[in-house]
Amino acid sequence: MKKIFFGLLLVLIPVLLFSFDPGWLNNVIFFNGTSNDIEYIFMSPGDSDYWGPEILNSERVLESRQDLGFYILYPDECNDFDILAIDSNGDALYIYDYTICDGTEETIAFSKRDMADEQPYFDFIELEIINEIETEIYYMFVSPADSEMYGVDLLDEVTTIPPGDSLTLLVPIDEEAVDYDFMAVDENNDTYSFSYSLDPEYGSSDEVAIEMSDLD
């Protein structure tokens, strides 16, 4: 559970059934002001009990003095998020109930002074998301089903998933299975959505595919 152990479903407003509008997205920039690499960042909707996927993905870090931008999707004018960053020394920073509102880009800076908390212990499932549709995926959201918003686009500002390619995420696991809601948005702003349960009994890796049958 997030508050102890430590994601994303938007209330699917009817317009999503017709076409996704990138204008619904806001932008958040993470800046690493420390002298160490940031190895993990979680940005979870404040209404979820889970941290959800680690947003740097499985093979990337946020290097010292560098920044990285992500799009976020939330239903109201302002919504709260919980943030966890863990650096290469194992130091951590927790930020709870961080409010983000429409109309302004948000910058979240990590400083050495702030990275003073003890990191949580995580076991991860390595989740591969495969694009099996014929178009490029521009946005990818994965959310614990207990949330009413999708939250972070896990592809950051520039990354996409071409047909036949995949994205690999690290997802913290609890002792029991957790249901997740997935939504992909392709280059035509069509949406593909489904639900899937990640169960630690099935091992440390899993895979799901975005298929034409998932088209909304």
N, C-alpha and C. Protein backbone atom coordinates (compact mmCIF):
# COMPACT_ATOMS: atom_id res chain seq x y z
N MET A 1 0.84 -1.18 0.00
CA MET A 1 0.00 0.00 0.00
C MET A 1 0.88 1.24 0.00
N LYS A 2 0.43 2.30 -0.60
CA LYS A 2 1.29 3.48 -0.78
C LYS A 2 1.75 4.06 0.53
N LYS A 3 0.84 4.29 1.49
CA LYS A 3 1.18 4.99 2.72
C LYS A 3 2.07 4.13 3.61
N ILE A 4 2.14 2.83 3.29
CA ILE A 4 2.99 1.94 4.07
C ILE A 4 4.01 1.27 3.15
N PHE A 5 3.49 0.56 2.13
CA PHE A 5 4.36 -0.16 1.21
C PHE A 5 4.58 0.57 -0.09
N PHE A 6 3.75 0.99 -0.32
CA PHE A 6 3.73 1.72 -1.57
C PHE A 6 4.07 0.81 -2.72
N GLY A 7 -0.21 5.29 -9.29
CA GLY A 7 -0.77 4.60 -10.03
C GLY A 7 -1.85 5.00 -10.90
N LEU A 8 -3.46 3.87 -12.32
CA LEU A 8 -3.98 5.19 -12.56
C LEU A 8 -5.34 5.00 -13.32
N LEU A 9 -6.79 5.19 -13.09
CA LEU A 9 -8.00 5.19 -13.95
C LEU A 9 -8.69 6.55 -13.92
N LEU A 10 -8.68 7.22 -15.00
CA LEU A 10 -9.47 8.45 -15.13
C LEU A 10 -10.94 8.09 -15.19
N VAL A 11 -11.79 8.94 -14.60
CA VAL A 11 -13.21 8.77 -14.84
C VAL A 11 -13.43 9.03 -16.32
N LEU A 12 -13.83 8.04 -17.06
CA LEU A 12 -13.88 8.15 -18.51
C LEU A 12 -15.07 8.99 -18.93
N ILE A 13 -14.84 10.28 -19.04
CA ILE A 13 -15.89 11.19 -19.48
C ILE A 13 -16.27 10.84 -20.90
N PRO A 14 -17.53 11.04 -21.28
CA PRO A 14 -18.00 10.53 -22.57
C PRO A 14 -17.18 10.94 -23.78
N VAL A 15 -16.55 12.13 -23.75
CA VAL A 15 -15.81 12.58 -24.92
C VAL A 15 -14.67 11.65 -25.27
N LEU A 16 -14.15 10.88 -24.26
CA LEU A 16 -13.08 9.94 -24.54
C LEU A 16 -13.52 8.85 -25.52
N LEU A 17 -14.81 8.61 -25.60
CA LEU A 17 -15.29 7.59 -26.51
C LEU A 17 -15.18 8.03 -27.96
N PHE A 18 -14.99 9.31 -28.20
CA PHE A 18 -14.92 9.83 -29.56
C PHE A 18 -13.47 10.06 -29.99
N SER A 19 -12.75 10.86 -29.23
CA SER A 19 -11.36 11.13 -29.59
C SER A 19 -10.65 11.77 -28.40
N PHE A 20 -9.42 11.36 -28.23
CA PHE A 20 -8.61 11.95 -27.17
C PHE A 20 -8.11 13.32 -27.61
N ASP A 21 -8.11 14.27 -26.69
CA ASP A 21 -7.64 15.63 -26.98
C ASP A 21 -6.37 15.90 -26.18
N PRO A 22 -5.20 16.03 -26.82
CA PRO A 22 -3.97 16.32 -26.10
C PRO A 22 -4.04 17.61 -25.28
N GLY A 23 -5.00 18.48 -25.60
CA GLY A 23 -5.17 19.70 -24.82
C GLY A 23 -5.62 19.44 -23.40
N TRP A 24 -6.08 18.22 -23.12
CA TRP A 24 -6.44 17.87 -21.75
C TRP A 24 -5.21 17.68 -20.86
N LEU A 25 -4.05 17.52 -21.45
CA LEU A 25 -2.84 17.20 -20.70
C LEU A 25 -2.19 18.44 -20.11
N ASN A 26 -1.60 18.27 -18.94
CA ASN A 26 -0.73 19.29 -18.37
C ASN A 26 0.70 18.74 -18.41
N ASN A 27 1.66 19.57 -18.09
CA ASN A 27 3.06 19.18 -18.16
C ASN A 27 3.72 19.36 -16.81
N VAL A 28 4.53 18.36 -16.40
CA VAL A 28 5.31 18.46 -15.17
C VAL A 28 6.76 18.14 -15.51
N ILE A 29 7.67 18.98 -15.00
CA ILE A 29 9.10 18.82 -15.21
C ILE A 29 9.75 18.42 -13.90
N PHE A 30 10.52 17.33 -13.91
CA PHE A 30 11.31 16.94 -12.76
C PHE A 30 12.76 17.38 -12.99
N PHE A 31 13.32 18.10 -12.01
CA PHE A 31 14.71 18.56 -12.10
C PHE A 31 15.50 17.94 -10.97
N ASN A 32 16.63 17.31 -11.31
CA ASN A 32 17.51 16.70 -10.32
C ASN A 32 18.60 17.70 -9.95
N GLY A 33 18.41 18.38 -8.82
CA GLY A 33 19.38 19.35 -8.34
C GLY A 33 20.41 18.77 -7.40
N THR A 34 20.45 17.44 -7.27
CA THR A 34 21.41 16.80 -6.39
C THR A 34 22.66 16.40 -7.16
N SER A 35 23.65 15.88 -6.45
CA SER A 35 24.88 15.42 -7.10
C SER A 35 24.83 13.93 -7.45
N ASN A 36 23.71 13.29 -7.14
CA ASN A 36 23.54 11.87 -7.43
C ASN A 36 22.45 11.67 -8.48
N ASP A 37 22.51 10.56 -9.17
CA ASP A 37 21.44 10.21 -10.09
C ASP A 37 20.18 9.87 -9.31
N ILE A 38 19.03 10.25 -9.85
CA ILE A 38 17.76 9.79 -9.32
C ILE A 38 17.40 8.52 -10.07
N GLU A 39 17.26 7.42 -9.35
CA GLU A 39 17.05 6.13 -9.99
C GLU A 39 15.58 5.76 -10.12
N TYR A 40 14.74 6.27 -9.23
CA TYR A 40 13.32 5.94 -9.27
C TYR A 40 12.49 7.20 -8.99
N ILE A 41 11.44 7.37 -9.75
CA ILE A 41 10.45 8.42 -9.47
C ILE A 41 9.06 7.80 -9.59
N PHE A 42 8.27 8.01 -8.58
CA PHE A 42 6.87 7.63 -8.60
C PHE A 42 6.04 8.88 -8.47
N MET A 43 4.99 9.00 -9.28
CA MET A 43 4.05 10.12 -9.17
C MET A 43 2.66 9.54 -9.24
N SER A 44 2.07 9.36 -8.07
CA SER A 44 0.81 8.64 -7.97
C SER A 44 -0.33 9.59 -7.69
N PRO A 45 -1.50 9.37 -8.31
CA PRO A 45 -2.69 10.15 -7.93
C PRO A 45 -2.94 10.04 -6.43
N GLY A 46 -3.27 11.17 -5.82
CA GLY A 46 -3.43 11.20 -4.37
C GLY A 46 -4.58 10.36 -3.86
N ASP A 47 -5.48 9.91 -4.74
CA ASP A 47 -6.61 9.10 -4.30
C ASP A 47 -6.34 7.61 -4.39
N SER A 48 -5.10 7.22 -4.71
CA SER A 48 -4.77 5.80 -4.82
C SER A 48 -4.00 5.33 -3.59
N ASP A 49 -4.18 4.07 -3.24
CA ASP A 49 -3.42 3.46 -2.14
C ASP A 49 -2.10 2.86 -2.60
N TYR A 50 -1.79 3.01 -3.89
CA TYR A 50 -0.60 2.37 -4.46
C TYR A 50 0.25 3.42 -5.18
N TRP A 51 1.56 3.15 -5.21
CA TRP A 51 2.44 4.05 -5.95
C TRP A 51 2.30 3.86 -7.46
N GLY A 52 1.95 2.68 -7.90
CA GLY A 52 1.83 2.45 -9.33
C GLY A 52 3.19 2.35 -10.00
N PRO A 53 3.24 2.36 -11.34
CA PRO A 53 4.50 2.16 -12.06
C PRO A 53 5.54 3.23 -11.76
N GLU A 54 6.79 2.82 -11.78
CA GLU A 54 7.92 3.75 -11.67
C GLU A 54 8.08 4.43 -13.02
N ILE A 55 8.08 5.76 -13.04
CA ILE A 55 7.91 6.48 -14.30
C ILE A 55 9.18 6.66 -15.12
N LEU A 56 10.37 6.38 -14.56
CA LEU A 56 11.59 6.46 -15.36
C LEU A 56 11.78 5.22 -16.22
N ASN A 57 10.94 4.20 -16.01
CA ASN A 57 11.01 2.93 -16.74
C ASN A 57 12.23 2.13 -16.31
N SER A 58 12.49 1.02 -16.92
CA SER A 58 13.41 0.04 -16.35
C SER A 58 14.88 0.32 -16.60
N GLU A 59 15.22 1.16 -17.58
CA GLU A 59 16.63 1.30 -17.96
C GLU A 59 17.09 2.76 -17.98
N ARG A 60 16.41 3.63 -17.27
CA ARG A 60 16.73 5.05 -17.35
C ARG A 60 16.87 5.63 -15.96
N VAL A 61 17.72 6.65 -15.82
CA VAL A 61 17.84 7.41 -14.59
C VAL A 61 17.74 8.90 -14.94
N LEU A 62 17.45 9.71 -13.92
CA LEU A 62 17.48 11.16 -14.09
C LEU A 62 18.81 11.64 -13.53
N GLU A 63 19.73 11.98 -14.43
CA GLU A 63 21.09 12.31 -14.01
C GLU A 63 21.15 13.65 -13.29
N SER A 64 22.22 13.83 -12.54
CA SER A 64 22.43 15.07 -11.79
C SER A 64 22.39 16.29 -12.71
N ARG A 65 21.66 17.32 -12.27
CA ARG A 65 21.52 18.60 -12.96
C ARG A 65 20.75 18.48 -14.28
N GLN A 66 20.04 17.39 -14.48
CA GLN A 66 19.24 17.21 -15.68
C GLN A 66 17.76 17.29 -15.33
N ASP A 67 16.94 17.51 -16.35
CA ASP A 67 15.50 17.50 -16.12
C ASP A 67 14.82 16.60 -17.14
N LEU A 68 13.57 16.25 -16.84
CA LEU A 68 12.80 15.37 -17.70
C LEU A 68 11.33 15.72 -17.54
N GLY A 69 10.63 15.86 -18.65
CA GLY A 69 9.23 16.27 -18.62
C GLY A 69 8.28 15.13 -18.90
N PHE A 70 7.11 15.18 -18.27
CA PHE A 70 6.05 14.20 -18.47
C PHE A 70 4.72 14.93 -18.63
N TYR A 71 3.84 14.33 -19.39
CA TYR A 71 2.46 14.80 -19.45
C TYR A 71 1.64 14.10 -18.38
N ILE A 72 0.65 14.81 -17.83
CA ILE A 72 -0.23 14.21 -16.84
C ILE A 72 -1.68 14.51 -17.20
N LEU A 73 -2.55 13.56 -16.84
CA LEU A 73 -3.97 13.65 -17.16
C LEU A 73 -4.76 13.48 -15.88
N TYR A 74 -5.60 14.47 -15.56
CA TYR A 74 -6.40 14.42 -14.34
C TYR A 74 -7.75 15.08 -14.61
N PRO A 75 -8.80 14.70 -13.86
CA PRO A 75 -10.16 15.07 -14.27
C PRO A 75 -10.62 16.46 -13.87
N ASP A 76 -10.07 17.04 -12.81
CA ASP A 76 -10.56 18.31 -12.30
C ASP A 76 -9.61 19.45 -12.64
N GLU A 77 -10.02 20.67 -12.31
CA GLU A 77 -9.13 21.82 -12.55
C GLU A 77 -7.85 21.69 -11.75
N CYS A 78 -7.95 21.17 -10.54
CA CYS A 78 -6.80 20.90 -9.68
C CYS A 78 -6.95 19.51 -9.07
N ASN A 79 -5.87 18.75 -9.03
CA ASN A 79 -5.87 17.45 -8.36
C ASN A 79 -4.55 17.24 -7.62
N ASP A 80 -4.59 16.38 -6.60
CA ASP A 80 -3.42 16.13 -5.76
C ASP A 80 -2.69 14.87 -6.21
N PHE A 81 -1.36 14.93 -6.07
CA PHE A 81 -0.50 13.80 -6.40
C PHE A 81 0.48 13.54 -5.26
N ASP A 82 0.91 12.29 -5.14
CA ASP A 82 1.97 11.92 -4.20
C ASP A 82 3.21 11.57 -5.02
N ILE A 83 4.36 12.01 -4.53
CA ILE A 83 5.62 11.87 -5.28
C ILE A 83 6.66 11.21 -4.39
N LEU A 84 7.39 10.28 -4.95
CA LEU A 84 8.51 9.63 -4.27
C LEU A 84 9.69 9.58 -5.23
N ALA A 85 10.84 10.07 -4.78
CA ALA A 85 12.08 9.97 -5.55
C ALA A 85 13.12 9.24 -4.71
N ILE A 86 13.91 8.38 -5.36
CA ILE A 86 14.97 7.62 -4.68
C ILE A 86 16.25 7.78 -5.49
N ASP A 87 17.34 8.18 -4.82
CA ASP A 87 18.59 8.41 -5.56
C ASP A 87 19.52 7.21 -5.46
N SER A 88 20.71 7.34 -6.09
CA SER A 88 21.66 6.23 -6.18
C SER A 88 22.30 5.89 -4.84
N ASN A 89 22.16 6.77 -3.84
CA ASN A 89 22.64 6.48 -2.49
C ASN A 89 21.58 5.80 -1.64
N GLY A 90 20.38 5.64 -2.20
CA GLY A 90 19.30 5.06 -1.44
C GLY A 90 18.55 6.06 -0.58
N ASP A 91 18.85 7.35 -0.75
CA ASP A 91 18.10 8.38 -0.03
C ASP A 91 16.81 8.67 -0.78
N ALA A 92 15.79 9.09 -0.04
CA ALA A 92 14.47 9.24 -0.64
C ALA A 92 13.84 10.57 -0.24
N LEU A 93 12.88 10.99 -1.04
CA LEU A 93 12.09 12.18 -0.76
C LEU A 93 10.63 11.84 -1.03
N TYR A 94 9.77 12.05 -0.03
CA TYR A 94 8.34 11.87 -0.17
C TYR A 94 7.66 13.23 -0.19
N ILE A 95 6.75 13.42 -1.11
CA ILE A 95 5.91 14.61 -1.16
C ILE A 95 4.47 14.14 -1.29
N TYR A 96 3.65 14.41 -0.28
CA TYR A 96 2.26 13.99 -0.32
C TYR A 96 1.34 15.17 -0.62
N ASP A 97 0.26 14.88 -1.33
CA ASP A 97 -0.80 15.87 -1.60
C ASP A 97 -0.26 17.12 -2.29
N TYR A 98 0.56 16.91 -3.31
CA TYR A 98 1.09 18.00 -4.12
C TYR A 98 0.04 18.38 -5.16
N THR A 99 -0.44 19.61 -5.10
CA THR A 99 -1.54 20.04 -5.96
C THR A 99 -1.03 20.57 -7.29
N ILE A 100 -1.61 20.08 -8.37
CA ILE A 100 -1.30 20.56 -9.72
C ILE A 100 -2.60 21.04 -10.35
N CYS A 101 -2.54 22.23 -10.95
CA CYS A 101 -3.73 22.85 -11.52
C CYS A 101 -3.53 23.15 -13.00
N ASP A 102 -4.65 23.30 -13.69
CA ASP A 102 -4.61 23.64 -15.10
C ASP A 102 -3.98 25.02 -15.32
N GLY A 103 -3.40 25.21 -16.49
CA GLY A 103 -2.99 26.54 -16.91
C GLY A 103 -1.52 26.85 -16.76
N THR A 104 -0.79 26.08 -15.94
CA THR A 104 0.64 26.36 -15.76
C THR A 104 1.43 25.06 -15.75
N GLU A 105 2.60 25.08 -16.39
CA GLU A 105 3.52 23.95 -16.32
C GLU A 105 4.11 23.88 -14.92
N GLU A 106 4.26 22.68 -14.38
CA GLU A 106 4.74 22.50 -13.02
C GLU A 106 6.18 21.98 -13.04
N THR A 107 7.06 22.57 -12.22
CA THR A 107 8.43 22.09 -12.07
C THR A 107 8.63 21.59 -10.65
N ILE A 108 9.12 20.37 -10.52
CA ILE A 108 9.39 19.77 -9.21
C ILE A 108 10.88 19.49 -9.14
N ALA A 109 11.56 20.18 -8.23
CA ALA A 109 13.02 20.09 -8.12
C ALA A 109 13.39 19.25 -6.90
N PHE A 110 14.34 18.33 -7.09
CA PHE A 110 14.86 17.52 -6.00
C PHE A 110 16.22 18.09 -5.59
N SER A 111 16.39 18.40 -4.31
CA SER A 111 17.66 18.93 -3.80
C SER A 111 18.29 17.93 -2.84
N LYS A 112 19.61 18.05 -2.67
CA LYS A 112 20.33 17.15 -1.77
C LYS A 112 19.79 17.26 -0.35
N ARG A 113 19.46 18.45 0.06
CA ARG A 113 18.94 18.67 1.41
C ARG A 113 17.62 17.94 1.62
N ASP A 114 16.83 17.86 0.57
CA ASP A 114 15.52 17.22 0.69
C ASP A 114 15.60 15.70 0.70
N MET A 115 16.65 15.14 0.09
CA MET A 115 16.75 13.69 -0.05
C MET A 115 17.30 13.08 1.24
N ALA A 116 16.46 13.03 2.25
CA ALA A 116 16.93 12.63 3.57
C ALA A 116 16.11 11.51 4.19
N ASP A 117 15.06 11.08 3.50
CA ASP A 117 14.19 10.05 4.06
C ASP A 117 14.72 8.65 3.75
N GLU A 118 14.23 7.68 4.52
CA GLU A 118 14.59 6.29 4.26
C GLU A 118 13.70 5.74 3.16
N GLN A 119 14.31 5.09 2.20
CA GLN A 119 13.54 4.58 1.08
C GLN A 119 12.73 3.36 1.50
N PRO A 120 11.58 3.15 0.86
CA PRO A 120 10.81 1.94 1.14
C PRO A 120 11.48 0.74 0.49
N TYR A 121 11.13 -0.43 0.98
CA TYR A 121 11.62 -1.65 0.35
C TYR A 121 10.62 -2.09 -0.71
N PHE A 122 11.09 -2.31 -1.92
CA PHE A 122 10.22 -2.69 -3.01
C PHE A 122 10.63 -4.04 -3.58
N ASP A 123 9.64 -4.87 -3.89
CA ASP A 123 9.78 -5.93 -4.89
C ASP A 123 9.04 -5.44 -6.11
N PHE A 124 9.60 -5.71 -7.29
CA PHE A 124 9.01 -5.22 -8.53
C PHE A 124 8.57 -6.38 -9.42
N ILE A 125 7.51 -6.14 -10.18
CA ILE A 125 7.23 -6.91 -11.37
C ILE A 125 7.72 -6.10 -12.56
N GLU A 126 8.49 -6.74 -13.44
CA GLU A 126 8.92 -6.09 -14.68
C GLU A 126 7.84 -6.34 -15.73
N LEU A 127 7.15 -5.28 -16.11
CA LEU A 127 6.00 -5.40 -17.00
C LEU A 127 6.35 -4.86 -18.38
N GLU A 128 6.22 -5.70 -19.39
CA GLU A 128 6.44 -5.28 -20.78
C GLU A 128 5.09 -5.02 -21.44
N ILE A 129 4.93 -3.82 -22.01
CA ILE A 129 3.72 -3.46 -22.74
C ILE A 129 4.07 -3.44 -24.22
N ILE A 130 3.42 -4.29 -25.00
CA ILE A 130 3.76 -4.48 -26.42
C ILE A 130 2.70 -3.81 -27.30
N ASN A 131 3.16 -3.04 -28.27
CA ASN A 131 2.26 -2.39 -29.22
C ASN A 131 1.99 -3.34 -30.39
N GLU A 132 0.78 -3.94 -30.40
CA GLU A 132 0.41 -4.84 -31.48
C GLU A 132 -0.64 -4.23 -32.41
N ILE A 133 -0.84 -2.92 -32.34
CA ILE A 133 -1.71 -2.25 -33.29
C ILE A 133 -0.86 -1.71 -34.44
N GLU A 134 -1.49 -1.17 -35.46
CA GLU A 134 -0.76 -0.77 -36.66
C GLU A 134 -0.30 0.68 -36.63
N THR A 135 -0.59 1.40 -35.55
CA THR A 135 -0.20 2.80 -35.44
C THR A 135 0.70 3.01 -34.23
N GLU A 136 1.40 4.14 -34.24
CA GLU A 136 2.33 4.47 -33.18
C GLU A 136 1.57 4.95 -31.94
N ILE A 137 2.00 4.49 -30.77
CA ILE A 137 1.39 4.92 -29.51
C ILE A 137 2.12 6.16 -29.01
N TYR A 138 1.36 7.24 -28.81
CA TYR A 138 1.94 8.50 -28.36
C TYR A 138 1.87 8.68 -26.85
N TYR A 139 0.84 8.14 -26.22
CA TYR A 139 0.66 8.29 -24.76
C TYR A 139 0.29 6.93 -24.19
N MET A 140 0.85 6.62 -23.01
CA MET A 140 0.58 5.34 -22.35
C MET A 140 0.34 5.57 -20.86
N PHE A 141 -0.85 5.25 -20.41
CA PHE A 141 -1.23 5.42 -19.01
C PHE A 141 -1.50 4.06 -18.39
N VAL A 142 -0.98 3.86 -17.17
CA VAL A 142 -1.22 2.63 -16.41
C VAL A 142 -1.56 3.03 -14.99
N SER A 143 -2.77 2.65 -14.51
CA SER A 143 -3.25 3.16 -13.23
C SER A 143 -3.84 2.07 -12.36
N PRO A 144 -3.47 2.05 -11.07
CA PRO A 144 -4.22 1.18 -10.16
C PRO A 144 -5.71 1.53 -10.23
N ALA A 145 -6.52 0.52 -10.23
CA ALA A 145 -7.95 0.71 -10.48
C ALA A 145 -8.68 1.42 -9.36
N ASP A 146 -8.00 1.67 -8.24
CA ASP A 146 -8.68 2.38 -7.15
C ASP A 146 -8.62 3.90 -7.33
N SER A 147 -8.01 4.39 -8.40
CA SER A 147 -7.90 5.83 -8.65
C SER A 147 -8.93 6.28 -9.67
N GLU A 148 -9.30 7.55 -9.57
CA GLU A 148 -10.23 8.14 -10.53
C GLU A 148 -9.52 8.98 -11.58
N MET A 149 -8.21 8.86 -11.68
CA MET A 149 -7.48 9.58 -12.73
C MET A 149 -6.34 8.73 -13.25
N TYR A 150 -5.95 9.00 -14.49
CA TYR A 150 -4.87 8.25 -15.10
C TYR A 150 -3.49 8.72 -14.64
N GLY A 151 -3.31 10.01 -14.40
CA GLY A 151 -2.03 10.49 -13.91
C GLY A 151 -0.99 10.66 -14.99
N VAL A 152 0.17 10.01 -14.83
CA VAL A 152 1.34 10.28 -15.66
C VAL A 152 1.32 9.48 -16.96
N ASP A 153 1.62 10.16 -18.07
CA ASP A 153 1.91 9.48 -19.33
C ASP A 153 3.30 8.88 -19.21
N LEU A 154 3.40 7.57 -19.22
CA LEU A 154 4.66 6.88 -18.94
C LEU A 154 5.66 6.95 -20.08
N LEU A 155 5.31 7.63 -21.17
CA LEU A 155 6.22 7.76 -22.31
C LEU A 155 7.00 9.07 -22.30
N ASP A 156 6.88 9.87 -21.27
CA ASP A 156 7.48 11.19 -21.15
C ASP A 156 7.10 12.08 -22.32
N GLU A 157 7.78 13.22 -22.49
CA GLU A 157 7.37 14.21 -23.50
C GLU A 157 7.68 13.80 -24.94
N VAL A 158 8.64 12.90 -25.13
CA VAL A 158 9.11 12.63 -26.51
C VAL A 158 9.03 11.16 -26.91
N THR A 159 9.00 10.25 -25.97
CA THR A 159 9.04 8.83 -26.29
C THR A 159 7.70 8.35 -26.86
N THR A 160 7.75 7.44 -27.84
CA THR A 160 6.58 6.79 -28.38
C THR A 160 6.84 5.28 -28.45
N ILE A 161 5.80 4.51 -28.76
CA ILE A 161 5.96 3.07 -28.98
C ILE A 161 5.53 2.75 -30.41
N PRO A 162 6.46 2.59 -31.34
CA PRO A 162 6.09 2.23 -32.72
C PRO A 162 5.45 0.84 -32.76
N PRO A 163 4.73 0.53 -33.84
CA PRO A 163 4.15 -0.81 -33.99
C PRO A 163 5.22 -1.89 -33.85
N GLY A 164 4.92 -2.90 -33.06
CA GLY A 164 5.85 -4.01 -32.86
C GLY A 164 6.86 -3.78 -31.75
N ASP A 165 7.00 -2.55 -31.26
CA ASP A 165 7.92 -2.26 -30.17
C ASP A 165 7.20 -2.36 -28.83
N SER A 166 7.96 -2.15 -27.76
CA SER A 166 7.38 -2.31 -26.43
C SER A 166 7.98 -1.32 -25.45
N LEU A 167 7.34 -1.19 -24.31
CA LEU A 167 7.80 -0.37 -23.19
C LEU A 167 7.86 -1.27 -21.97
N THR A 168 8.98 -1.21 -21.22
CA THR A 168 9.12 -2.03 -20.02
C THR A 168 9.09 -1.15 -18.78
N LEU A 169 8.20 -1.49 -17.86
CA LEU A 169 8.00 -0.74 -16.63
C LEU A 169 8.36 -1.59 -15.42
N LEU A 170 8.71 -0.92 -14.34
CA LEU A 170 8.86 -1.57 -13.04
C LEU A 170 7.65 -1.19 -12.20
N VAL A 171 6.91 -2.19 -11.73
CA VAL A 171 5.71 -1.94 -10.95
C VAL A 171 5.86 -2.58 -9.58
N PRO A 172 5.82 -1.79 -8.48
CA PRO A 172 5.91 -2.39 -7.15
C PRO A 172 4.78 -3.38 -6.91
N ILE A 173 5.09 -4.47 -6.22
CA ILE A 173 4.07 -5.47 -5.94
C ILE A 173 3.88 -5.61 -4.44
N ASP A 174 2.65 -5.89 -4.07
CA ASP A 174 2.29 -6.20 -2.70
C ASP A 174 2.18 -7.71 -2.57
N GLU A 175 1.63 -8.18 -1.46
CA GLU A 175 1.49 -9.61 -1.28
C GLU A 175 0.33 -10.17 -2.10
N GLU A 176 -0.60 -9.31 -2.49
CA GLU A 176 -1.76 -9.76 -3.23
C GLU A 176 -1.79 -9.10 -4.61
N ALA A 177 -2.59 -9.65 -5.49
CA ALA A 177 -2.74 -9.09 -6.83
C ALA A 177 -3.37 -7.70 -6.77
N VAL A 178 -2.97 -6.83 -7.70
CA VAL A 178 -3.52 -5.48 -7.80
C VAL A 178 -4.05 -5.29 -9.22
N ASP A 179 -5.27 -4.78 -9.32
CA ASP A 179 -5.86 -4.52 -10.64
C ASP A 179 -5.40 -3.17 -11.17
N TYR A 180 -5.06 -3.15 -12.46
CA TYR A 180 -4.62 -1.93 -13.12
C TYR A 180 -5.48 -1.65 -14.35
N ASP A 181 -5.66 -0.38 -14.64
CA ASP A 181 -6.35 0.05 -15.85
C ASP A 181 -5.32 0.65 -16.80
N PHE A 182 -5.39 0.27 -18.07
CA PHE A 182 -4.46 0.68 -19.09
C PHE A 182 -5.20 1.52 -20.13
N MET A 183 -4.57 2.60 -20.58
CA MET A 183 -5.09 3.34 -21.72
C MET A 183 -3.92 3.80 -22.58
N ALA A 184 -3.94 3.38 -23.84
CA ALA A 184 -2.96 3.86 -24.83
C ALA A 184 -3.68 4.82 -25.78
N VAL A 185 -2.94 5.83 -26.24
CA VAL A 185 -3.46 6.79 -27.22
C VAL A 185 -2.52 6.77 -28.41
N ASP A 186 -3.07 6.52 -29.60
CA ASP A 186 -2.20 6.41 -30.77
C ASP A 186 -2.05 7.75 -31.49
N GLU A 187 -1.34 7.71 -32.61
CA GLU A 187 -1.03 8.93 -33.36
C GLU A 187 -2.27 9.61 -33.93
N ASN A 188 -3.39 8.88 -34.01
CA ASN A 188 -4.65 9.45 -34.49
C ASN A 188 -5.56 9.92 -33.36
N ASN A 189 -5.02 9.88 -32.12
CA ASN A 189 -5.77 10.21 -30.91
C ASN A 189 -6.91 9.24 -30.64
N ASP A 190 -6.82 8.02 -31.18
CA ASP A 190 -7.73 6.95 -30.80
C ASP A 190 -7.23 6.32 -29.50
N THR A 191 -8.17 5.87 -28.65
CA THR A 191 -7.78 5.29 -27.37
C THR A 191 -8.06 3.80 -27.34
N TYR A 192 -7.19 3.09 -26.62
CA TYR A 192 -7.28 1.64 -26.45
C TYR A 192 -7.18 1.37 -24.96
N SER A 193 -8.18 0.72 -24.40
CA SER A 193 -8.18 0.56 -22.95
C SER A 193 -8.62 -0.84 -22.54
N PHE A 194 -8.08 -1.29 -21.40
CA PHE A 194 -8.44 -2.59 -20.83
C PHE A 194 -7.94 -2.61 -19.39
N SER A 195 -8.35 -3.63 -18.65
CA SER A 195 -7.90 -3.84 -17.27
C SER A 195 -7.11 -5.13 -17.19
N TYR A 196 -6.20 -5.18 -16.23
CA TYR A 196 -5.34 -6.36 -16.08
C TYR A 196 -4.88 -6.45 -14.63
N SER A 197 -4.77 -7.66 -14.11
CA SER A 197 -4.35 -7.87 -12.73
C SER A 197 -2.90 -8.33 -12.69
N LEU A 198 -2.07 -7.64 -11.92
CA LEU A 198 -0.68 -8.05 -11.71
C LEU A 198 -0.61 -8.84 -10.42
N ASP A 199 -0.21 -10.09 -10.54
CA ASP A 199 -0.23 -11.02 -9.42
C ASP A 199 1.18 -11.51 -9.14
N PRO A 200 1.73 -11.25 -7.94
CA PRO A 200 3.10 -11.68 -7.63
C PRO A 200 3.28 -13.18 -7.64
N GLU A 201 2.20 -13.94 -7.55
CA GLU A 201 2.32 -15.40 -7.57
C GLU A 201 2.80 -15.90 -8.93
N TYR A 202 2.67 -15.08 -9.97
CA TYR A 202 3.05 -15.50 -11.31
C TYR A 202 4.48 -15.14 -11.67
N GLY A 203 5.26 -14.65 -10.70
CA GLY A 203 6.66 -14.38 -10.95
C GLY A 203 7.00 -12.90 -11.02
N SER A 204 8.24 -12.62 -11.37
CA SER A 204 8.77 -11.26 -11.33
C SER A 204 8.67 -10.53 -12.66
N SER A 205 8.05 -11.14 -13.66
CA SER A 205 7.88 -10.48 -14.95
C SER A 205 6.54 -10.86 -15.54
N ASP A 206 6.02 -9.98 -16.39
CA ASP A 206 4.74 -10.22 -17.04
C ASP A 206 4.70 -9.36 -18.30
N GLU A 207 3.74 -9.62 -19.16
CA GLU A 207 3.60 -8.81 -20.36
C GLU A 207 2.14 -8.67 -20.72
N VAL A 208 1.80 -7.53 -21.32
CA VAL A 208 0.46 -7.30 -21.86
C VAL A 208 0.63 -6.69 -23.25
N ALA A 209 -0.41 -6.84 -24.08
CA ALA A 209 -0.34 -6.31 -25.45
C ALA A 209 -1.48 -5.33 -25.67
N ILE A 210 -1.17 -4.23 -26.37
CA ILE A 210 -2.20 -3.32 -26.87
C ILE A 210 -2.66 -3.87 -28.21
N GLU A 211 -3.94 -4.22 -28.32
CA GLU A 211 -4.45 -4.87 -29.52
C GLU A 211 -5.62 -4.07 -30.10
N MET A 212 -5.94 -4.34 -31.37
CA MET A 212 -7.05 -3.64 -32.01
C MET A 212 -8.37 -3.88 -31.29
N SER A 213 -8.51 -5.02 -30.66
CA SER A 213 -9.74 -5.31 -29.93
C SER A 213 -9.93 -4.41 -28.70
N ASP A 214 -8.87 -3.70 -28.29
CA ASP A 214 -8.95 -2.78 -27.14
C ASP A 214 -9.43 -1.38 -27.55
N LEU A 215 -9.66 -1.16 -28.84
CA LEU A 215 -10.07 0.15 -29.32
C LEU A 215 -11.40 0.55 -28.71
N ASP A 216 -11.46 1.78 -28.15
CA ASP A 216 -12.69 2.27 -27.51
C ASP A 216 -13.70 2.71 -28.55
